[in-house]
Amino acid sequence: MSLRLKIVALLAALAAAATMAIGVASYRSTSRELAQSVDRSLDDAARRFEDGRVTPIGIGTGGRPEPGRRQPAFEQVLWQVVTPDGTVLVSSGDTELPVSDDDLQVAAGDRLRARHDAIVDGDTFRVLTVPFDGGALMLARSLEESEEVTEAILRRTLSAVVVVVAITLVLGWLLARQITRRLERLTSVAGTVASTGRLDVEVPVQGADETGQLGRAFSGMLGALQRSRQEQRQLVQDAGHELRTPLTSVRTNVSVLRRRFDQLAPAEREQLLA
C-alpha cells in the first residue's frame, strides 16, 4: 500500500471512529434519558394512587369489583390492580398486563416494588408494580416512542458516519496528494542522481513542513557532493602538474647522458646522476 493510501485510510478510520463514538454516546445518553422519563411518569402515576388523588372505581370491600363509573385514565399509562394470587381485579382498559413472579411478590408484601419490561400485544412496555389495597398496582407505559427515537438516532449516526467518511476520503486524498507529490519528486530526483551521476539536478525545496525540510537537506547534500567532486578534480590536476615537473627534469638528464655521457667530465657526470 502506498503512503498516499495509508494516509487516506488512516484519516477515514479516525473520522469514522470519532463519529461513531459521538453517535454511540448520544444514543446511550438519549436512551437513558428516555428510560428515566418513562420511569418518572410511572412513579408519578403511582404516587397519585398512593396519595388517594386517584381511586380505582369498582373496588369494594373484600377486593371485589363493583359496577361503577368510568375508571381513571392516564396519558400513555395503563394500570391494573392484582391480588396476591395474580387475579386482575380491575384495569384501565380491556388489555391486561402479564403478571410476573416479581409482581406477585409485591402483591404478597415480599417486595416494596418491582420494575421490568413486558410484552403486551407485540409491543414492549415498561412496568412498575407497587403495593396497593392488599394486593398490587401495576402501571405500564409503552416503549414504542422511545424505541422510535433511539432508532432514529441510530439511523442518523450511521448516515453521519457515511457522509463524514466520504468527505474525509476526498479531503484526505487531496491532502495526501499534496504531501506525497513532493516526496515523489524527491524520489525522482534521487533516481536521476543514482542513474546518471549528475549532481546539478533541481531539487524541490518548497514548504516549511518536514517534506520541505527533507528537500532542503537533500539539496544541501547534493551541493556538498558536487563541491567535493570539484575539489577532487582540482587535487588530481594539481598532483599531475606537480608530478610532471620532476619527470621532465629526469627525462632531460637521461637524454643528455645518452648523447654525451662519454664527453662529460667526471664532475658533470656525478652532477647529472645526483
C-alpha atoms as a PDB file:
ATOM      1  CA  MET A   1       0.000   0.000   0.000  1.00  0.00           C
ATOM      2  CA  SER A   2       1.360   3.401  -0.958  1.00  0.00           C
ATOM      3  CA  LEU A   3       1.910   6.192   1.539  1.00  0.00           C
ATOM      4  CA  ARG A   4      -0.935   8.175  -0.013  1.00  0.00           C
ATOM      5  CA  LEU A   5      -3.428   5.349   0.512  1.00  0.00           C
ATOM      6  CA  LYS A   6      -2.174   4.797   4.062  1.00  0.00           C
ATOM      7  CA  ILE A   7      -2.771   8.466   4.906  1.00  0.00           C
ATOM      8  CA  VAL A   8      -6.254   8.420   3.381  1.00  0.00           C
ATOM      9  CA  ALA A   9      -7.177   5.169   5.149  1.00  0.00           C
ATOM     10  CA  LEU A  10      -5.897   6.468   8.488  1.00  0.00           C
ATOM     11  CA  LEU A  11      -7.846   9.732   8.217  1.00  0.00           C
ATOM     12  CA  ALA A  12     -11.023   7.905   7.189  1.00  0.00           C
ATOM     13  CA  ALA A  13     -10.674   5.455  10.080  1.00  0.00           C
ATOM     14  CA  LEU A  14     -10.141   8.269  12.585  1.00  0.00           C
ATOM     15  CA  ALA A  15     -13.141  10.210  11.256  1.00  0.00           C
ATOM     16  CA  ALA A  16     -15.368   7.114  11.350  1.00  0.00           C
ATOM     17  CA  ALA A  17     -14.239   6.248  14.875  1.00  0.00           C
ATOM     18  CA  ALA A  18     -14.847   9.795  16.129  1.00  0.00           C
ATOM     19  CA  THR A  19     -18.295   9.983  14.516  1.00  0.00           C
ATOM     20  CA  MET A  20     -19.251   6.560  15.837  1.00  0.00           C
ATOM     21  CA  ALA A  21     -18.062   7.485  19.338  1.00  0.00           C
ATOM     22  CA  ILE A  22     -20.177  10.646  19.315  1.00  0.00           C
ATOM     23  CA  GLY A  23     -23.158   8.734  17.929  1.00  0.00           C
ATOM     24  CA  VAL A  24     -22.890   5.943  20.490  1.00  0.00           C
ATOM     25  CA  ALA A  25     -22.566   8.460  23.320  1.00  0.00           C
ATOM     26  CA  SER A  26     -25.634  10.311  22.043  1.00  0.00           C
ATOM     27  CA  TYR A  27     -27.547   7.044  21.628  1.00  0.00           C
ATOM     28  CA  ARG A  28     -26.768   5.873  25.156  1.00  0.00           C
ATOM     29  CA  SER A  29     -27.471   9.264  26.698  1.00  0.00           C
ATOM     30  CA  THR A  30     -30.798   9.619  24.898  1.00  0.00           C
ATOM     31  CA  SER A  31     -31.814   6.044  25.740  1.00  0.00           C
ATOM     32  CA  ARG A  32     -31.011   6.648  29.390  1.00  0.00           C
ATOM     33  CA  GLU A  33     -32.942   9.929  29.452  1.00  0.00           C
ATOM     34  CA  LEU A  34     -35.979   8.367  27.764  1.00  0.00           C
ATOM     35  CA  ALA A  35     -35.945   5.411  30.158  1.00  0.00           C
ATOM     36  CA  GLN A  36     -35.718   7.754  33.135  1.00  0.00           C
ATOM     37  CA  SER A  37     -38.579   9.828  31.712  1.00  0.00           C
ATOM     38  CA  VAL A  38     -40.777   6.730  31.404  1.00  0.00           C
ATOM     39  CA  ASP A  39     -39.908   5.653  34.946  1.00  0.00           C
ATOM     40  CA  ARG A  40     -40.680   9.138  36.278  1.00  0.00           C
ATOM     41  CA  SER A  41     -44.110   9.117  34.615  1.00  0.00           C
ATOM     42  CA  LEU A  42     -44.871   5.719  36.188  1.00  0.00           C
ATOM     43  CA  ASP A  43     -43.633   6.919  39.594  1.00  0.00           C
ATOM     44  CA  ASP A  44     -45.859   9.992  39.325  1.00  0.00           C
ATOM     45  CA  ALA A  45     -48.901   7.851  38.464  1.00  0.00           C
ATOM     46  CA  ALA A  46     -48.141   5.525  41.382  1.00  0.00           C
ATOM     47  CA  ARG A  47     -47.917   8.468  43.795  1.00  0.00           C
ATOM     48  CA  ARG A  48     -51.309   9.700  42.640  1.00  0.00           C
ATOM     49  CA  PHE A  49     -52.823   6.320  43.507  1.00  0.00           C
ATOM     50  CA  GLU A  50     -50.965   6.101  46.827  1.00  0.00           C
ATOM     51  CA  ASP A  51     -51.938   9.646  47.873  1.00  0.00           C
ATOM     52  CA  GLY A  52     -55.587   8.965  47.159  1.00  0.00           C
ATOM     53  CA  ARG A  53     -55.776  11.565  44.426  1.00  0.00           C
ATOM     54  CA  VAL A  54     -56.833   8.765  42.074  1.00  0.00           C
ATOM     55  CA  THR A  55     -59.036   5.896  43.210  1.00  0.00           C
ATOM     56  CA  PRO A  56     -59.978   2.925  41.038  1.00  0.00           C
ATOM     57  CA  ILE A  57     -63.718   2.773  40.590  1.00  0.00           C
ATOM     58  CA  GLY A  58     -65.346  -0.560  41.342  1.00  0.00           C
ATOM     59  CA  ILE A  59     -63.034  -1.757  44.154  1.00  0.00           C
ATOM     60  CA  GLY A  60     -65.280  -2.558  47.088  1.00  0.00           C
ATOM     61  CA  THR A  61     -64.965  -4.370  50.377  1.00  0.00           C
ATOM     62  CA  GLY A  62     -63.126  -7.644  50.039  1.00  0.00           C
ATOM     63  CA  GLY A  63     -61.422  -6.506  46.931  1.00  0.00           C
ATOM     64  CA  ARG A  64     -64.291  -7.421  44.600  1.00  0.00           C
ATOM     65  CA  PRO A  65     -65.046  -5.322  41.579  1.00  0.00           C
ATOM     66  CA  GLU A  66     -68.235  -3.318  41.684  1.00  0.00           C
ATOM     67  CA  PRO A  67     -70.149  -1.901  38.792  1.00  0.00           C
ATOM     68  CA  GLY A  68     -69.277   1.726  38.809  1.00  0.00           C
ATOM     69  CA  ARG A  69     -68.191   4.714  36.958  1.00  0.00           C
ATOM     70  CA  ARG A  70     -65.502   5.184  34.397  1.00  0.00           C
ATOM     71  CA  GLN A  71     -62.028   4.242  35.591  1.00  0.00           C
ATOM     72  CA  PRO A  72     -59.358   6.935  35.973  1.00  0.00           C
ATOM     73  CA  ALA A  73     -57.055   7.182  32.968  1.00  0.00           C
ATOM     74  CA  PHE A  74     -53.528   8.458  32.488  1.00  0.00           C
ATOM     75  CA  GLU A  75     -51.968   9.652  29.289  1.00  0.00           C
ATOM     76  CA  GLN A  76     -49.928   6.765  27.821  1.00  0.00           C
ATOM     77  CA  VAL A  77     -50.097   4.792  31.109  1.00  0.00           C
ATOM     78  CA  LEU A  78     -52.010   1.540  31.599  1.00  0.00           C
ATOM     79  CA  TRP A  79     -52.791   0.200  35.059  1.00  0.00           C
ATOM     80  CA  GLN A  80     -54.418  -2.728  36.806  1.00  0.00           C
ATOM     81  CA  VAL A  81     -54.915  -3.972  40.364  1.00  0.00           C
ATOM     82  CA  VAL A  82     -53.993  -7.597  41.086  1.00  0.00           C
ATOM     83  CA  THR A  83     -54.416  -9.851  44.106  1.00  0.00           C
ATOM     84  CA  PRO A  84     -51.572 -11.909  45.655  1.00  0.00           C
ATOM     85  CA  ASP A  85     -52.685 -14.904  43.590  1.00  0.00           C
ATOM     86  CA  GLY A  86     -52.411 -12.921  40.342  1.00  0.00           C
ATOM     87  CA  THR A  87     -56.077 -12.250  39.742  1.00  0.00           C
ATOM     88  CA  VAL A  88     -56.753  -8.957  37.980  1.00  0.00           C
ATOM     89  CA  LEU A  89     -59.454  -7.112  39.939  1.00  0.00           C
ATOM     90  CA  VAL A  90     -59.776  -4.056  37.768  1.00  0.00           C
ATOM     91  CA  SER A  91     -57.830  -2.388  34.995  1.00  0.00           C
ATOM     92  CA  SER A  92     -57.782   0.813  32.994  1.00  0.00           C
ATOM     93  CA  GLY A  93     -58.906  -0.881  29.793  1.00  0.00           C
ATOM     94  CA  ASP A  94     -59.543  -4.115  28.013  1.00  0.00           C
ATOM     95  CA  THR A  95     -55.847  -5.036  27.788  1.00  0.00           C
ATOM     96  CA  GLU A  96     -54.483  -6.932  30.772  1.00  0.00           C
ATOM     97  CA  LEU A  97     -50.806  -6.757  31.667  1.00  0.00           C
ATOM     98  CA  PRO A  98     -48.936 -10.054  32.139  1.00  0.00           C
ATOM     99  CA  VAL A  99     -48.291 -10.727  35.832  1.00  0.00           C
ATOM    100  CA  SER A 100     -44.765 -11.889  36.627  1.00  0.00           C
ATOM    101  CA  ASP A 101     -43.317 -13.506  39.741  1.00  0.00           C
ATOM    102  CA  ASP A 102     -41.880 -10.143  40.787  1.00  0.00           C
ATOM    103  CA  ASP A 103     -45.362  -8.612  40.618  1.00  0.00           C
ATOM    104  CA  LEU A 104     -46.779 -11.433  42.752  1.00  0.00           C
ATOM    105  CA  GLN A 105     -44.057 -10.869  45.349  1.00  0.00           C
ATOM    106  CA  VAL A 106     -45.069  -7.207  45.578  1.00  0.00           C
ATOM    107  CA  ALA A 107     -48.734  -8.177  45.882  1.00  0.00           C
ATOM    108  CA  ALA A 108     -47.852 -10.634  48.648  1.00  0.00           C
ATOM    109  CA  GLY A 109     -45.881  -7.986  50.522  1.00  0.00           C
ATOM    110  CA  ASP A 110     -42.488  -9.646  49.973  1.00  0.00           C
ATOM    111  CA  ARG A 111     -41.136  -6.725  47.923  1.00  0.00           C
ATOM    112  CA  LEU A 112     -41.666  -2.981  48.082  1.00  0.00           C
ATOM    113  CA  ARG A 113     -41.802  -2.514  44.309  1.00  0.00           C
ATOM    114  CA  ALA A 114     -40.710  -4.075  41.047  1.00  0.00           C
ATOM    115  CA  ARG A 115     -39.678  -2.727  37.633  1.00  0.00           C
ATOM    116  CA  HIS A 116     -39.408  -4.799  34.482  1.00  0.00           C
ATOM    117  CA  ASP A 117     -40.245  -4.856  30.793  1.00  0.00           C
ATOM    118  CA  ALA A 118     -43.187  -6.828  29.441  1.00  0.00           C
ATOM    119  CA  ILE A 119     -44.560  -7.654  26.005  1.00  0.00           C
ATOM    120  CA  VAL A 120     -48.180  -6.625  25.524  1.00  0.00           C
ATOM    121  CA  ASP A 121     -49.828  -7.269  22.137  1.00  0.00           C
ATOM    122  CA  GLY A 122     -46.399  -7.369  20.491  1.00  0.00           C
ATOM    123  CA  ASP A 123     -45.220  -4.063  21.999  1.00  0.00           C
ATOM    124  CA  THR A 124     -42.681  -3.599  24.770  1.00  0.00           C
ATOM    125  CA  PHE A 125     -43.948  -1.904  27.918  1.00  0.00           C
ATOM    126  CA  ARG A 126     -42.142  -0.641  30.985  1.00  0.00           C
ATOM    127  CA  VAL A 127     -43.910  -1.917  34.100  1.00  0.00           C
ATOM    128  CA  LEU A 128     -43.877  -0.567  37.669  1.00  0.00           C
ATOM    129  CA  THR A 129     -45.562  -2.582  40.417  1.00  0.00           C
ATOM    130  CA  VAL A 130     -46.250  -1.175  43.901  1.00  0.00           C
ATOM    131  CA  PRO A 131     -48.322  -2.424  46.879  1.00  0.00           C
ATOM    132  CA  PHE A 132     -51.929  -1.302  46.803  1.00  0.00           C
ATOM    133  CA  ASP A 133     -55.039  -2.183  48.862  1.00  0.00           C
ATOM    134  CA  GLY A 134     -53.887  -5.637  49.961  1.00  0.00           C
ATOM    135  CA  GLY A 135     -52.598  -6.508  46.529  1.00  0.00           C
ATOM    136  CA  ALA A 136     -50.518  -4.674  43.960  1.00  0.00           C
ATOM    137  CA  LEU A 137     -50.977  -1.888  41.491  1.00  0.00           C
ATOM    138  CA  MET A 138     -49.291  -2.442  38.139  1.00  0.00           C
ATOM    139  CA  LEU A 139     -48.617   0.541  35.890  1.00  0.00           C
ATOM    140  CA  ALA A 140     -47.191   0.248  32.385  1.00  0.00           C
ATOM    141  CA  ARG A 141     -46.137   2.568  29.607  1.00  0.00           C
ATOM    142  CA  SER A 142     -45.246   1.649  26.057  1.00  0.00           C
ATOM    143  CA  LEU A 143     -41.607   1.990  24.993  1.00  0.00           C
ATOM    144  CA  GLU A 144     -42.503   2.250  21.321  1.00  0.00           C
ATOM    145  CA  GLU A 145     -41.967   6.011  21.239  1.00  0.00           C
ATOM    146  CA  SER A 146     -38.605   5.682  22.981  1.00  0.00           C
ATOM    147  CA  GLU A 147     -37.547   2.937  20.601  1.00  0.00           C
ATOM    148  CA  GLU A 148     -38.512   5.060  17.614  1.00  0.00           C
ATOM    149  CA  VAL A 149     -36.393   7.938  18.915  1.00  0.00           C
ATOM    150  CA  THR A 150     -33.354   5.760  19.586  1.00  0.00           C
ATOM    151  CA  GLU A 151     -33.706   4.038  16.209  1.00  0.00           C
ATOM    152  CA  ALA A 152     -33.836   7.453  14.547  1.00  0.00           C
ATOM    153  CA  ILE A 153     -30.647   8.444  16.367  1.00  0.00           C
ATOM    154  CA  LEU A 154     -29.003   5.212  15.230  1.00  0.00           C
ATOM    155  CA  ARG A 155     -30.014   5.833  11.620  1.00  0.00           C
ATOM    156  CA  ARG A 156     -28.754   9.419  11.744  1.00  0.00           C
ATOM    157  CA  THR A 157     -25.487   8.240  13.287  1.00  0.00           C
ATOM    158  CA  LEU A 158     -24.928   5.694  10.531  1.00  0.00           C
ATOM    159  CA  SER A 159     -25.778   8.294   7.896  1.00  0.00           C
ATOM    160  CA  ALA A 160     -23.391  10.763   9.522  1.00  0.00           C
ATOM    161  CA  VAL A 161     -20.629   8.145   9.526  1.00  0.00           C
ATOM    162  CA  VAL A 162     -21.115   7.527   5.799  1.00  0.00           C
ATOM    163  CA  VAL A 163     -21.131  11.252   4.991  1.00  0.00           C
ATOM    164  CA  VAL A 164     -18.140  12.051   7.210  1.00  0.00           C
ATOM    165  CA  VAL A 165     -16.118   9.140   5.841  1.00  0.00           C
ATOM    166  CA  ALA A 166     -16.917  10.182   2.260  1.00  0.00           C
ATOM    167  CA  ILE A 167     -15.859  13.789   2.931  1.00  0.00           C
ATOM    168  CA  THR A 168     -12.755  12.593   4.756  1.00  0.00           C
ATOM    169  CA  LEU A 169     -11.803  10.354   1.840  1.00  0.00           C
ATOM    170  CA  VAL A 170     -11.953  13.279  -0.569  1.00  0.00           C
ATOM    171  CA  LEU A 171     -10.131  15.721   1.699  1.00  0.00           C
ATOM    172  CA  GLY A 172      -7.654  13.042   2.777  1.00  0.00           C
ATOM    173  CA  TRP A 173      -6.875  12.195  -0.836  1.00  0.00           C
ATOM    174  CA  LEU A 174      -6.220  15.861  -1.647  1.00  0.00           C
ATOM    175  CA  LEU A 175      -4.062  16.293   1.456  1.00  0.00           C
ATOM    176  CA  ALA A 176      -2.156  13.071   0.846  1.00  0.00           C
ATOM    177  CA  ARG A 177      -1.621  14.063  -2.768  1.00  0.00           C
ATOM    178  CA  GLN A 178      -0.200  17.395  -1.680  1.00  0.00           C
ATOM    179  CA  ILE A 179       2.153  15.665   0.757  1.00  0.00           C
ATOM    180  CA  THR A 180       3.254  12.773  -1.419  1.00  0.00           C
ATOM    181  CA  ARG A 181       3.625  14.804  -4.612  1.00  0.00           C
ATOM    182  CA  ARG A 182       6.789  16.473  -3.288  1.00  0.00           C
ATOM    183  CA  LEU A 183       8.031  13.131  -1.967  1.00  0.00           C
ATOM    184  CA  GLU A 184       7.518  11.626  -5.424  1.00  0.00           C
ATOM    185  CA  ARG A 185       9.518  14.487  -6.948  1.00  0.00           C
ATOM    186  CA  LEU A 186      12.303  13.892  -4.435  1.00  0.00           C
ATOM    187  CA  THR A 187      12.239  10.191  -5.302  1.00  0.00           C
ATOM    188  CA  SER A 188      12.507  11.046  -8.996  1.00  0.00           C
ATOM    189  CA  VAL A 189      15.467  13.355  -8.332  1.00  0.00           C
ATOM    190  CA  ALA A 190      17.224  10.681  -6.285  1.00  0.00           C
ATOM    191  CA  GLY A 191      16.679   8.178  -9.095  1.00  0.00           C
ATOM    192  CA  THR A 192      18.156  10.613 -11.620  1.00  0.00           C
ATOM    193  CA  VAL A 193      21.231  11.137  -9.449  1.00  0.00           C
ATOM    194  CA  ALA A 194      21.678   7.392  -8.973  1.00  0.00           C
ATOM    195  CA  SER A 195      21.309   6.548 -12.682  1.00  0.00           C
ATOM    196  CA  THR A 196      23.240   9.440 -14.258  1.00  0.00           C
ATOM    197  CA  GLY A 197      25.614  10.552 -11.531  1.00  0.00           C
ATOM    198  CA  ARG A 198      24.572  14.163 -12.069  1.00  0.00           C
ATOM    199  CA  LEU A 199      24.691  16.376  -9.005  1.00  0.00           C
ATOM    200  CA  ASP A 200      23.321  19.556 -10.576  1.00  0.00           C
ATOM    201  CA  VAL A 201      19.672  18.430 -10.738  1.00  0.00           C
ATOM    202  CA  GLU A 202      16.958  20.721  -9.369  1.00  0.00           C
ATOM    203  CA  VAL A 203      15.522  19.609  -6.009  1.00  0.00           C
ATOM    204  CA  PRO A 204      12.056  20.770  -4.801  1.00  0.00           C
ATOM    205  CA  VAL A 205      12.509  22.687  -1.544  1.00  0.00           C
ATOM    206  CA  GLN A 206       9.102  24.393  -1.203  1.00  0.00           C
ATOM    207  CA  GLY A 207       7.200  24.263   2.061  1.00  0.00           C
ATOM    208  CA  ALA A 208       8.037  24.688   5.729  1.00  0.00           C
ATOM    209  CA  ASP A 209       6.959  21.193   6.758  1.00  0.00           C
ATOM    210  CA  GLU A 210       9.033  18.033   7.072  1.00  0.00           C
ATOM    211  CA  THR A 211       8.850  17.389   3.318  1.00  0.00           C
ATOM    212  CA  GLY A 212      10.281  20.824   2.602  1.00  0.00           C
ATOM    213  CA  GLN A 213      12.999  20.276   5.206  1.00  0.00           C
ATOM    214  CA  LEU A 214      13.848  16.940   3.581  1.00  0.00           C
ATOM    215  CA  GLY A 215      14.115  18.620   0.185  1.00  0.00           C
ATOM    216  CA  ARG A 216      16.438  21.322   1.510  1.00  0.00           C
ATOM    217  CA  ALA A 217      18.588  18.722   3.286  1.00  0.00           C
ATOM    218  CA  PHE A 218      18.812  16.652   0.083  1.00  0.00           C
ATOM    219  CA  SER A 219      19.706  19.735  -1.936  1.00  0.00           C
ATOM    220  CA  GLY A 220      22.418  20.613   0.574  1.00  0.00           C
ATOM    221  CA  MET A 221      23.787  17.075   0.379  1.00  0.00           C
ATOM    222  CA  LEU A 222      23.991  17.236  -3.423  1.00  0.00           C
ATOM    223  CA  GLY A 223      25.714  20.602  -3.189  1.00  0.00           C
ATOM    224  CA  ALA A 224      28.277  19.203  -0.746  1.00  0.00           C
ATOM    225  CA  LEU A 225      28.884  16.208  -3.020  1.00  0.00           C
ATOM    226  CA  GLN A 226      29.337  18.489  -6.015  1.00  0.00           C
ATOM    227  CA  ARG A 227      31.873  20.638  -4.154  1.00  0.00           C
ATOM    228  CA  SER A 228      33.696  17.504  -3.013  1.00  0.00           C
ATOM    229  CA  ARG A 229      33.850  16.257  -6.592  1.00  0.00           C
ATOM    230  CA  GLN A 230      35.246  19.574  -7.794  1.00  0.00           C
ATOM    231  CA  GLU A 231      37.860  19.569  -5.054  1.00  0.00           C
ATOM    232  CA  GLN A 232      38.881  16.022  -6.034  1.00  0.00           C
ATOM    233  CA  ARG A 233      39.276  17.065  -9.655  1.00  0.00           C
ATOM    234  CA  GLN A 234      41.359  20.073  -8.644  1.00  0.00           C
ATOM    235  CA  LEU A 235      43.515  17.857  -6.434  1.00  0.00           C
ATOM    236  CA  VAL A 236      44.124  15.449  -9.313  1.00  0.00           C
ATOM    237  CA  GLN A 237      45.046  18.313 -11.632  1.00  0.00           C
ATOM    238  CA  ASP A 238      47.453  19.854  -9.101  1.00  0.00           C
ATOM    239  CA  ALA A 239      49.048  16.478  -8.370  1.00  0.00           C
ATOM    240  CA  GLY A 240      49.513  15.818 -12.082  1.00  0.00           C
ATOM    241  CA  HIS A 241      51.155  19.164 -12.533  1.00  0.00           C
ATOM    242  CA  GLU A 242      53.477  18.571  -9.610  1.00  0.00           C
ATOM    243  CA  LEU A 243      54.394  15.143 -10.943  1.00  0.00           C
ATOM    244  CA  ARG A 244      55.018  16.335 -14.478  1.00  0.00           C
ATOM    245  CA  THR A 245      57.741  18.900 -13.445  1.00  0.00           C
ATOM    246  CA  PRO A 246      60.262  16.430 -11.866  1.00  0.00           C
ATOM    247  CA  LEU A 247      59.584  13.845 -14.561  1.00  0.00           C
ATOM    248  CA  THR A 248      60.511  16.370 -17.251  1.00  0.00           C
ATOM    249  CA  SER A 249      63.813  17.087 -15.484  1.00  0.00           C
ATOM    250  CA  VAL A 250      64.596  13.380 -15.204  1.00  0.00           C
ATOM    251  CA  ARG A 251      63.849  12.754 -18.882  1.00  0.00           C
ATOM    252  CA  THR A 252      66.141  15.651 -19.860  1.00  0.00           C
ATOM    253  CA  ASN A 253      69.011  14.340 -17.760  1.00  0.00           C
ATOM    254  CA  VAL A 254      68.633  10.850 -19.187  1.00  0.00           C
ATOM    255  CA  SER A 255      68.640  12.194 -22.731  1.00  0.00           C
ATOM    256  CA  VAL A 256      71.846  14.152 -22.085  1.00  0.00           C
ATOM    257  CA  LEU A 257      73.518  11.118 -20.544  1.00  0.00           C
ATOM    258  CA  ARG A 258      72.685   9.022 -23.557  1.00  0.00           C
ATOM    259  CA  ARG A 259      74.089  11.529 -26.053  1.00  0.00           C
ATOM    260  CA  ARG A 260      77.110  12.976 -24.274  1.00  0.00           C
ATOM    261  CA  PHE A 261      77.997  10.693 -21.394  1.00  0.00           C
ATOM    262  CA  ASP A 262      81.426   9.922 -22.781  1.00  0.00           C
ATOM    263  CA  GLN A 263      82.161  13.617 -23.435  1.00  0.00           C
ATOM    264  CA  LEU A 264      81.285  14.860 -19.952  1.00  0.00           C
ATOM    265  CA  ALA A 265      83.843  15.467 -17.259  1.00  0.00           C
ATOM    266  CA  PRO A 266      83.655  13.257 -14.177  1.00  0.00           C
ATOM    267  CA  ALA A 267      82.240  16.156 -12.111  1.00  0.00           C
ATOM    268  CA  GLU A 268      79.388  16.771 -14.597  1.00  0.00           C
ATOM    269  CA  ARG A 269      78.586  13.053 -14.694  1.00  0.00           C
ATOM    270  CA  GLU A 270      78.209  12.988 -10.911  1.00  0.00           C
ATOM    271  CA  GLN A 271      76.010  16.111 -11.007  1.00  0.00           C
ATOM    272  CA  LEU A 272      73.641  14.543 -13.571  1.00  0.00           C
ATOM    273  CA  LEU A 273      73.452  11.279 -11.653  1.00  0.00           C
ATOM    274  CA  ALA A 274      72.840  13.015  -8.313  1.00  0.00           C
END
